[in-house]
């Protein structure tokens, strides 16, 4: 486990600068449109938020399904004394 954490940390350190890189064309369009008084930047920001929202929703749904499955497995393997007849 420690090797995996160390490897993940090393990869983030080595390639972390690429995480902050951005498309130069997108940046140029947003900057030029912003100087001209346009609102393209708002649309780009909304698109980024939309793209970020989907993975988080999927993560929460999958986490809930795993949690519910584990709870059902615990109930089957260790039934509570109140449910016995």
Protein backbone atom coordinates (compact mmCIF):
# COMPACT_ATOMS: atom_id res chain seq x y z
CA UNK A 1 0.00 0.00 0.00
CA UNK A 2 2.79 2.41 0.86
CA UNK A 3 4.46 1.74 -2.48
CA UNK A 4 1.25 2.67 -4.30
CA UNK A 5 0.88 5.91 -2.36
CA UNK A 6 4.52 6.78 -3.00
CA UNK A 7 4.15 5.99 -6.70
CA UNK A 8 1.02 8.12 -6.96
CA UNK A 9 2.75 10.99 -5.16
CA UNK A 10 5.79 10.69 -7.48
CA UNK A 11 3.60 10.72 -10.61
CA UNK A 12 1.74 13.81 -9.40
CA UNK A 13 5.02 15.59 -8.70
CA UNK A 14 6.51 14.65 -12.05
CA UNK A 15 3.48 15.46 -14.18
CA UNK A 16 1.76 18.05 -11.98
CA UNK A 17 2.69 20.94 -14.23
CA UNK A 18 0.61 19.39 -17.01
CA UNK A 19 -2.42 19.39 -14.75
CA UNK A 20 -2.44 23.18 -14.79
CA UNK A 21 -1.88 23.54 -18.52
CA UNK A 22 -4.70 24.78 -20.69
CA UNK A 23 -5.61 25.05 -24.31
CA UNK A 24 -3.88 28.15 -25.66
CA UNK A 25 -6.57 28.69 -28.30
CA UNK A 26 -9.35 28.62 -25.69
CA UNK A 27 -7.42 31.03 -23.51
CA UNK A 28 -6.85 33.41 -26.43
CA UNK A 29 -10.53 33.35 -27.44
CA UNK A 30 -11.71 34.05 -23.90
CA UNK A 31 -9.20 36.86 -23.40
CA UNK A 32 -9.95 38.57 -26.71
CA UNK A 33 -13.70 38.22 -26.24
CA UNK A 34 -13.45 39.56 -22.68
CA UNK A 35 -11.59 42.64 -23.89
CA UNK A 36 -14.26 43.22 -26.53
CA UNK A 37 -17.02 43.06 -23.88
CA UNK A 38 -18.34 39.60 -24.75
CA UNK A 39 -19.49 36.92 -22.36
CA UNK A 40 -17.74 33.85 -23.77
CA UNK A 41 -15.83 33.43 -20.50
CA UNK A 42 -19.09 32.78 -18.64
CA UNK A 43 -19.99 30.04 -21.12
CA UNK A 44 -16.54 28.47 -20.82
CA UNK A 45 -16.79 28.52 -17.03
CA UNK A 46 -20.25 26.94 -17.14
CA UNK A 47 -18.96 24.24 -19.48
CA UNK A 48 -16.07 23.48 -17.13
CA UNK A 49 -18.44 23.22 -14.17
CA UNK A 50 -20.70 20.90 -16.16
CA UNK A 51 -17.77 18.68 -17.11
CA UNK A 52 -16.60 18.56 -13.48
CA UNK A 53 -20.09 17.82 -12.14
CA UNK A 54 -20.65 14.51 -13.97
CA UNK A 55 -17.67 12.57 -12.52
CA UNK A 56 -18.55 13.69 -8.99
CA UNK A 57 -22.15 12.55 -9.42
CA UNK A 58 -20.98 9.19 -10.76
CA UNK A 59 -18.54 8.83 -7.86
CA UNK A 60 -21.27 9.51 -5.30
CA UNK A 61 -23.75 7.14 -6.95
CA UNK A 62 -21.22 4.32 -7.24
CA UNK A 63 -20.09 4.91 -3.65
CA UNK A 64 -23.69 4.75 -2.43
CA UNK A 65 -24.33 1.53 -4.36
CA UNK A 66 -21.21 -0.06 -2.87
CA UNK A 67 -22.23 1.09 0.62
CA UNK A 68 -25.77 -0.28 0.20
CA UNK A 69 -24.44 -3.57 -1.15
CA UNK A 70 -22.09 -3.91 1.83
CA UNK A 71 -24.92 -3.17 4.25
CA UNK A 72 -27.10 -5.85 2.65
CA UNK A 73 -24.23 -8.33 2.81
CA UNK A 74 -23.75 -7.57 6.53
CA UNK A 75 -27.48 -8.06 7.20
CA UNK A 76 -27.43 -11.42 5.43
CA UNK A 77 -24.32 -12.67 7.22
CA UNK A 78 -25.24 -11.22 10.64
CA UNK A 79 -29.00 -10.86 11.03
CA UNK A 80 -30.11 -8.64 13.89
CA UNK A 81 -31.72 -10.40 16.91
CA UNK A 82 -34.90 -8.31 16.55
CA UNK A 83 -35.76 -9.94 13.21
CA UNK A 84 -35.67 -13.53 14.51
CA UNK A 85 -39.00 -15.36 14.95
